């Protein structure tokens, strides 16, 4: 039971750290343009670029 004295505060500290990181990412605007990132992966900018070494 003595181990709970260490584990409970550590779990609470990790949970609060995760919550603080999530709230920071919300304020920093990390979730503002979710559709843009999804569409950017489909954009084919290298159509004329032959970077495969002559294949």
C-alpha atoms as a PDB file:
ATOM      1  CA  UNK A   1       0.000   0.000   0.000  1.00  0.00           C
ATOM      2  CA  UNK A   2       2.979   2.302   0.444  1.00  0.00           C
ATOM      3  CA  UNK A   3       3.556   2.286  -3.296  1.00  0.00           C
ATOM      4  CA  UNK A   4       0.224   4.070  -3.789  1.00  0.00           C
ATOM      5  CA  UNK A   5       1.687   7.096  -2.030  1.00  0.00           C
ATOM      6  CA  UNK A   6       4.049   7.430  -5.001  1.00  0.00           C
ATOM      7  CA  UNK A   7       1.893   6.152  -7.844  1.00  0.00           C
ATOM      8  CA  UNK A   8      -1.214   8.282  -7.289  1.00  0.00           C
ATOM      9  CA  UNK A   9       0.606  11.652  -7.311  1.00  0.00           C
ATOM     10  CA  UNK A  10       2.658  10.545 -10.322  1.00  0.00           C
ATOM     11  CA  UNK A  11      -0.489   9.569 -12.215  1.00  0.00           C
ATOM     12  CA  UNK A  12      -2.146  12.860 -11.341  1.00  0.00           C
ATOM     13  CA  UNK A  13       0.932  14.806 -12.410  1.00  0.00           C
ATOM     14  CA  UNK A  14       1.099  12.977 -15.750  1.00  0.00           C
ATOM     15  CA  UNK A  15      -2.603  13.548 -16.342  1.00  0.00           C
ATOM     16  CA  UNK A  16      -2.331  17.245 -15.572  1.00  0.00           C
ATOM     17  CA  UNK A  17       0.725  17.522 -17.823  1.00  0.00           C
ATOM     18  CA  UNK A  18      -1.202  15.931 -20.692  1.00  0.00           C
ATOM     19  CA  UNK A  19      -4.152  18.220 -20.092  1.00  0.00           C
ATOM     20  CA  UNK A  20      -1.885  21.278 -20.039  1.00  0.00           C
ATOM     21  CA  UNK A  21      -0.242  20.194 -23.316  1.00  0.00           C
ATOM     22  CA  UNK A  22      -3.640  19.692 -24.930  1.00  0.00           C
ATOM     23  CA  UNK A  23      -4.901  23.086 -23.775  1.00  0.00           C
ATOM     24  CA  UNK A  24      -1.687  24.716 -25.016  1.00  0.00           C
ATOM     25  CA  UNK A  25      -2.150  23.117 -28.448  1.00  0.00           C
ATOM     26  CA  UNK A  26      -5.726  24.417 -28.595  1.00  0.00           C
ATOM     27  CA  UNK A  27      -4.580  27.958 -27.818  1.00  0.00           C
ATOM     28  CA  UNK A  28      -1.706  27.721 -30.297  1.00  0.00           C
ATOM     29  CA  UNK A  29      -4.134  26.916 -33.130  1.00  0.00           C
ATOM     30  CA  UNK A  30      -2.937  23.393 -33.858  1.00  0.00           C
ATOM     31  CA  UNK A  31      -6.467  22.243 -34.709  1.00  0.00           C
ATOM     32  CA  UNK A  32      -7.567  25.207 -36.828  1.00  0.00           C
ATOM     33  CA  UNK A  33      -7.109  23.790 -40.341  1.00  0.00           C
ATOM     34  CA  UNK A  34      -7.834  20.094 -40.221  1.00  0.00           C
ATOM     35  CA  UNK A  35      -9.266  19.964 -43.767  1.00  0.00           C
ATOM     36  CA  UNK A  36      -6.283  21.772 -45.259  1.00  0.00           C
ATOM     37  CA  UNK A  37      -3.851  19.162 -43.987  1.00  0.00           C
ATOM     38  CA  UNK A  38      -6.017  16.374 -45.367  1.00  0.00           C
ATOM     39  CA  UNK A  39      -6.194  17.995 -48.795  1.00  0.00           C
ATOM     40  CA  UNK A  40      -2.528  19.002 -48.878  1.00  0.00           C
ATOM     41  CA  UNK A  41      -1.451  15.359 -48.892  1.00  0.00           C
ATOM     42  CA  UNK A  42      -3.486  14.814 -52.080  1.00  0.00           C
ATOM     43  CA  UNK A  43      -1.922  17.783 -53.885  1.00  0.00           C
ATOM     44  CA  UNK A  44       0.584  16.450 -56.411  1.00  0.00           C
ATOM     45  CA  UNK A  45       3.194  19.173 -56.807  1.00  0.00           C
ATOM     46  CA  UNK A  46       5.883  16.995 -58.395  1.00  0.00           C
ATOM     47  CA  UNK A  47       4.074  15.879 -61.561  1.00  0.00           C
ATOM     48  CA  UNK A  48       6.864  16.988 -63.930  1.00  0.00           C
ATOM     49  CA  UNK A  49       9.727  16.297 -61.541  1.00  0.00           C
ATOM     50  CA  UNK A  50      11.556  13.065 -62.353  1.00  0.00           C
ATOM     51  CA  UNK A  51      13.308  12.230 -59.075  1.00  0.00           C
ATOM     52  CA  UNK A  52      13.326   8.437 -59.380  1.00  0.00           C
ATOM     53  CA  UNK A  53      16.643   8.237 -61.229  1.00  0.00           C
ATOM     54  CA  UNK A  54      15.530   7.478 -64.793  1.00  0.00           C
ATOM     55  CA  UNK A  55      12.857   4.886 -64.159  1.00  0.00           C
END
